[in-house]
């Protein structure tokens, strides 16, 4: 076992989770079903801006708070870099979960090999069809500014409650 977790299997996944939707929830439920404790890395606003060249609609603090409120999530940590091995160095998880769109990419071929050496399982999940943050943003596009304001206000009120 990679980490000393007193017999617990610790899982880790990460994402932006900007406009949290049922696809995210299903992925987290599937991940939690395969481990005793699920740690979720939430991409910081700064990393999102650096990597995707856009500011999240919902800020990091609110996205992290929404994920913390889900019963399948045991811990939320900031994801400040895309390096999954650096996350392992810090968290020592036993299994990591990732979307199957990453499978076979150069970076994940390397992660697969390195995690195999470390005894960490890599589990690829299929995305939930018909739902994504990108699709949600596209549906909101005609009124994007008003929608972004409403979503931000609603998420802040939800987190404050």
C-alpha atoms as a PDB file:
ATOM      1  CA  UNK A   1       0.000   0.000   0.000  1.00  0.00           C
ATOM      2  CA  UNK A   2       1.463   3.372  -0.997  1.00  0.00           C
ATOM      3  CA  UNK A   3       0.445   5.364   2.074  1.00  0.00           C
ATOM      4  CA  UNK A   4       0.173   4.387   5.711  1.00  0.00           C
ATOM      5  CA  UNK A   5      -3.560   4.869   6.175  1.00  0.00           C
ATOM      6  CA  UNK A   6      -4.213   2.177   8.813  1.00  0.00           C
ATOM      7  CA  UNK A   7      -5.910  -0.103   6.301  1.00  0.00           C
ATOM      8  CA  UNK A   8      -7.933   2.654   4.639  1.00  0.00           C
ATOM      9  CA  UNK A   9      -7.844   2.927   0.860  1.00  0.00           C
ATOM     10  CA  UNK A  10      -7.453   6.619   0.041  1.00  0.00           C
ATOM     11  CA  UNK A  11      -8.579   7.843  -3.371  1.00  0.00           C
ATOM     12  CA  UNK A  12      -7.785  11.121  -5.098  1.00  0.00           C
ATOM     13  CA  UNK A  13      -9.238  12.992  -8.024  1.00  0.00           C
ATOM     14  CA  UNK A  14      -9.002  16.597  -9.123  1.00  0.00           C
ATOM     15  CA  UNK A  15     -10.801  19.076 -11.320  1.00  0.00           C
ATOM     16  CA  UNK A  16     -12.033  22.611 -11.765  1.00  0.00           C
ATOM     17  CA  UNK A  17     -15.679  21.764 -10.932  1.00  0.00           C
ATOM     18  CA  UNK A  18     -16.773  25.137 -12.299  1.00  0.00           C
ATOM     19  CA  UNK A  19     -20.506  24.868 -12.722  1.00  0.00           C
ATOM     20  CA  UNK A  20     -20.807  21.717 -10.635  1.00  0.00           C
ATOM     21  CA  UNK A  21     -23.206  19.312 -12.361  1.00  0.00           C
ATOM     22  CA  UNK A  22     -24.559  15.764 -12.189  1.00  0.00           C
ATOM     23  CA  UNK A  23     -21.634  14.407 -14.224  1.00  0.00           C
ATOM     24  CA  UNK A  24     -19.237  15.614 -11.528  1.00  0.00           C
ATOM     25  CA  UNK A  25     -21.409  14.108  -8.810  1.00  0.00           C
ATOM     26  CA  UNK A  26     -21.587  10.736 -10.595  1.00  0.00           C
ATOM     27  CA  UNK A  27     -17.813  10.673 -11.050  1.00  0.00           C
ATOM     28  CA  UNK A  28     -17.315  11.422  -7.354  1.00  0.00           C
ATOM     29  CA  UNK A  29     -19.845   8.751  -6.358  1.00  0.00           C
ATOM     30  CA  UNK A  30     -18.083   6.173  -8.549  1.00  0.00           C
ATOM     31  CA  UNK A  31     -14.723   7.160  -7.107  1.00  0.00           C
ATOM     32  CA  UNK A  32     -15.946   6.986  -3.501  1.00  0.00           C
ATOM     33  CA  UNK A  33     -17.366   3.507  -4.141  1.00  0.00           C
ATOM     34  CA  UNK A  34     -13.794   2.341  -4.846  1.00  0.00           C
ATOM     35  CA  UNK A  35     -12.083   3.762  -1.775  1.00  0.00           C
ATOM     36  CA  UNK A  36     -12.631   4.303   1.941  1.00  0.00           C
ATOM     37  CA  UNK A  37     -11.746   7.983   1.872  1.00  0.00           C
ATOM     38  CA  UNK A  38     -11.981  10.346  -1.096  1.00  0.00           C
ATOM     39  CA  UNK A  39      -9.777  13.428  -1.353  1.00  0.00           C
ATOM     40  CA  UNK A  40     -10.693  15.923  -4.073  1.00  0.00           C
ATOM     41  CA  UNK A  41      -8.274  18.484  -5.455  1.00  0.00           C
ATOM     42  CA  UNK A  42     -10.069  21.618  -6.605  1.00  0.00           C
ATOM     43  CA  UNK A  43      -8.202  23.666  -9.186  1.00  0.00           C
ATOM     44  CA  UNK A  44      -7.409  27.124  -7.851  1.00  0.00           C
ATOM     45  CA  UNK A  45      -8.547  30.178  -9.779  1.00  0.00           C
ATOM     46  CA  UNK A  46      -4.895  30.980 -10.538  1.00  0.00           C
ATOM     47  CA  UNK A  47      -4.160  27.535 -12.006  1.00  0.00           C
ATOM     48  CA  UNK A  48      -7.368  27.666 -14.047  1.00  0.00           C
ATOM     49  CA  UNK A  49      -6.408  31.059 -15.477  1.00  0.00           C
ATOM     50  CA  UNK A  50      -2.880  29.834 -16.216  1.00  0.00           C
ATOM     51  CA  UNK A  51      -3.983  26.527 -17.780  1.00  0.00           C
ATOM     52  CA  UNK A  52      -7.280  27.382 -19.484  1.00  0.00           C
ATOM     53  CA  UNK A  53      -6.768  31.134 -19.926  1.00  0.00           C
ATOM     54  CA  UNK A  54     -10.109  31.923 -18.319  1.00  0.00           C
ATOM     55  CA  UNK A  55     -11.398  32.896 -14.924  1.00  0.00           C
ATOM     56  CA  UNK A  56     -13.793  30.409 -13.337  1.00  0.00           C
ATOM     57  CA  UNK A  57     -17.398  31.581 -13.084  1.00  0.00           C
ATOM     58  CA  UNK A  58     -17.518  30.351  -9.496  1.00  0.00           C
ATOM     59  CA  UNK A  59     -14.491  31.204  -7.366  1.00  0.00           C
ATOM     60  CA  UNK A  60     -12.277  28.594  -5.718  1.00  0.00           C
ATOM     61  CA  UNK A  61     -13.640  29.078  -2.179  1.00  0.00           C
ATOM     62  CA  UNK A  62     -17.238  28.508  -3.285  1.00  0.00           C
ATOM     63  CA  UNK A  63     -16.370  25.538  -5.518  1.00  0.00           C
ATOM     64  CA  UNK A  64     -14.432  23.945  -2.648  1.00  0.00           C
ATOM     65  CA  UNK A  65     -17.299  24.584  -0.215  1.00  0.00           C
ATOM     66  CA  UNK A  66     -19.842  22.964  -2.548  1.00  0.00           C
ATOM     67  CA  UNK A  67     -17.654  19.874  -2.904  1.00  0.00           C
ATOM     68  CA  UNK A  68     -17.105  19.679   0.866  1.00  0.00           C
ATOM     69  CA  UNK A  69     -20.882  19.556   1.277  1.00  0.00           C
ATOM     70  CA  UNK A  70     -21.167  16.331  -0.751  1.00  0.00           C
ATOM     71  CA  UNK A  71     -21.391  13.226   1.444  1.00  0.00           C
ATOM     72  CA  UNK A  72     -19.076  11.262  -0.877  1.00  0.00           C
ATOM     73  CA  UNK A  73     -16.221  13.758  -0.473  1.00  0.00           C
ATOM     74  CA  UNK A  74     -14.128  13.340   2.660  1.00  0.00           C
ATOM     75  CA  UNK A  75     -11.567  16.088   2.114  1.00  0.00           C
ATOM     76  CA  UNK A  76     -11.010  18.957  -0.305  1.00  0.00           C
ATOM     77  CA  UNK A  77      -7.540  20.323  -1.047  1.00  0.00           C
ATOM     78  CA  UNK A  78      -6.410  23.066  -3.420  1.00  0.00           C
ATOM     79  CA  UNK A  79      -4.939  21.876  -6.704  1.00  0.00           C
ATOM     80  CA  UNK A  80      -2.193  24.403  -7.423  1.00  0.00           C
ATOM     81  CA  UNK A  81      -0.351  22.401 -10.113  1.00  0.00           C
ATOM     82  CA  UNK A  82      -1.276  19.824 -12.727  1.00  0.00           C
ATOM     83  CA  UNK A  83       1.382  17.391 -11.470  1.00  0.00           C
ATOM     84  CA  UNK A  84      -0.449  14.322 -10.110  1.00  0.00           C
ATOM     85  CA  UNK A  85       2.838  12.891  -8.762  1.00  0.00           C
ATOM     86  CA  UNK A  86       3.339  16.026  -6.669  1.00  0.00           C
ATOM     87  CA  UNK A  87      -0.164  15.491  -5.279  1.00  0.00           C
ATOM     88  CA  UNK A  88       0.800  11.890  -4.455  1.00  0.00           C
ATOM     89  CA  UNK A  89       3.992  13.074  -2.722  1.00  0.00           C
ATOM     90  CA  UNK A  90       1.827  15.197  -0.436  1.00  0.00           C
ATOM     91  CA  UNK A  91      -1.226  12.958   0.040  1.00  0.00           C
ATOM     92  CA  UNK A  92       0.065   9.378  -0.501  1.00  0.00           C
ATOM     93  CA  UNK A  93      -3.221   8.163  -1.998  1.00  0.00           C
ATOM     94  CA  UNK A  94      -3.674   4.526  -3.016  1.00  0.00           C
ATOM     95  CA  UNK A  95      -5.825   5.061  -6.096  1.00  0.00           C
ATOM     96  CA  UNK A  96      -6.338   8.016  -8.399  1.00  0.00           C
ATOM     97  CA  UNK A  97      -9.359   8.654 -10.586  1.00  0.00           C
ATOM     98  CA  UNK A  98      -9.265  10.490 -13.893  1.00  0.00           C
ATOM     99  CA  UNK A  99     -11.509  11.034 -16.906  1.00  0.00           C
ATOM    100  CA  UNK A 100     -10.950   8.620 -19.771  1.00  0.00           C
ATOM    101  CA  UNK A 101     -10.233  11.504 -22.141  1.00  0.00           C
ATOM    102  CA  UNK A 102      -6.748  11.578 -20.559  1.00  0.00           C
ATOM    103  CA  UNK A 103      -6.091   7.865 -21.157  1.00  0.00           C
ATOM    104  CA  UNK A 104      -3.281   7.304 -23.641  1.00  0.00           C
ATOM    105  CA  UNK A 105      -2.017  10.892 -23.566  1.00  0.00           C
ATOM    106  CA  UNK A 106       1.731  11.306 -23.160  1.00  0.00           C
ATOM    107  CA  UNK A 107       1.434  12.699 -19.638  1.00  0.00           C
ATOM    108  CA  UNK A 108      -0.873   9.909 -18.465  1.00  0.00           C
ATOM    109  CA  UNK A 109       1.228   7.174 -20.085  1.00  0.00           C
ATOM    110  CA  UNK A 110       4.036   8.458 -17.857  1.00  0.00           C
ATOM    111  CA  UNK A 111       1.739   8.684 -14.815  1.00  0.00           C
ATOM    112  CA  UNK A 112       0.448   5.145 -15.448  1.00  0.00           C
ATOM    113  CA  UNK A 113       4.004   3.778 -15.499  1.00  0.00           C
ATOM    114  CA  UNK A 114       5.169   5.731 -12.459  1.00  0.00           C
ATOM    115  CA  UNK A 115       2.053   5.001 -10.403  1.00  0.00           C
ATOM    116  CA  UNK A 116       2.384   1.293 -11.260  1.00  0.00           C
ATOM    117  CA  UNK A 117       5.903   1.392  -9.774  1.00  0.00           C
ATOM    118  CA  UNK A 118       4.508   3.058  -6.651  1.00  0.00           C
ATOM    119  CA  UNK A 119       1.637   0.581  -6.301  1.00  0.00           C
ATOM    120  CA  UNK A 120      -1.011   3.237  -6.983  1.00  0.00           C
ATOM    121  CA  UNK A 121      -4.016   2.171  -9.056  1.00  0.00           C
ATOM    122  CA  UNK A 122      -5.160   4.491 -11.836  1.00  0.00           C
ATOM    123  CA  UNK A 123      -8.877   4.251 -12.626  1.00  0.00           C
ATOM    124  CA  UNK A 124     -10.280   5.942 -15.732  1.00  0.00           C
ATOM    125  CA  UNK A 125     -13.953   6.917 -15.730  1.00  0.00           C
ATOM    126  CA  UNK A 126     -16.146   7.649 -18.738  1.00  0.00           C
ATOM    127  CA  UNK A 127     -17.791  11.029 -18.791  1.00  0.00           C
ATOM    128  CA  UNK A 128     -21.532  11.347 -18.296  1.00  0.00           C
ATOM    129  CA  UNK A 129     -23.000  11.929 -21.743  1.00  0.00           C
ATOM    130  CA  UNK A 130     -24.894  15.091 -22.511  1.00  0.00           C
ATOM    131  CA  UNK A 131     -23.640  17.128 -19.573  1.00  0.00           C
ATOM    132  CA  UNK A 132     -20.498  19.168 -19.087  1.00  0.00           C
ATOM    133  CA  UNK A 133     -19.487  22.538 -17.737  1.00  0.00           C
ATOM    134  CA  UNK A 134     -18.663  23.578 -21.314  1.00  0.00           C
ATOM    135  CA  UNK A 135     -22.195  22.702 -22.487  1.00  0.00           C
ATOM    136  CA  UNK A 136     -23.719  24.543 -19.536  1.00  0.00           C
ATOM    137  CA  UNK A 137     -21.658  27.659 -20.274  1.00  0.00           C
ATOM    138  CA  UNK A 138     -22.689  27.480 -23.949  1.00  0.00           C
ATOM    139  CA  UNK A 139     -26.365  27.332 -22.981  1.00  0.00           C
ATOM    140  CA  UNK A 140     -25.848  30.372 -20.775  1.00  0.00           C
ATOM    141  CA  UNK A 141     -23.842  32.273 -23.413  1.00  0.00           C
ATOM    142  CA  UNK A 142     -26.616  34.607 -24.636  1.00  0.00           C
ATOM    143  CA  UNK A 143     -26.921  35.999 -21.129  1.00  0.00           C
ATOM    144  CA  UNK A 144     -23.464  35.031 -19.904  1.00  0.00           C
ATOM    145  CA  UNK A 145     -22.806  38.112 -17.779  1.00  0.00           C
ATOM    146  CA  UNK A 146     -26.188  38.028 -16.077  1.00  0.00           C
ATOM    147  CA  UNK A 147     -25.971  34.253 -15.609  1.00  0.00           C
ATOM    148  CA  UNK A 148     -22.458  34.428 -14.185  1.00  0.00           C
ATOM    149  CA  UNK A 149     -23.621  37.006 -11.677  1.00  0.00           C
ATOM    150  CA  UNK A 150     -26.657  34.915 -10.697  1.00  0.00           C
ATOM    151  CA  UNK A 151     -24.584  31.732 -10.332  1.00  0.00           C
ATOM    152  CA  UNK A 152     -21.937  33.501  -8.267  1.00  0.00           C
ATOM    153  CA  UNK A 153     -24.576  35.109  -6.028  1.00  0.00           C
ATOM    154  CA  UNK A 154     -26.492  31.845  -5.603  1.00  0.00           C
ATOM    155  CA  UNK A 155     -23.363  29.835  -4.832  1.00  0.00           C
ATOM    156  CA  UNK A 156     -22.235  32.415  -2.275  1.00  0.00           C
ATOM    157  CA  UNK A 157     -25.639  32.263  -0.584  1.00  0.00           C
ATOM    158  CA  UNK A 158     -25.570  28.454  -0.602  1.00  0.00           C
ATOM    159  CA  UNK A 159     -22.100  28.392   0.934  1.00  0.00           C
ATOM    160  CA  UNK A 160     -23.085  30.970   3.561  1.00  0.00           C
ATOM    161  CA  UNK A 161     -26.147  28.921   4.568  1.00  0.00           C
END
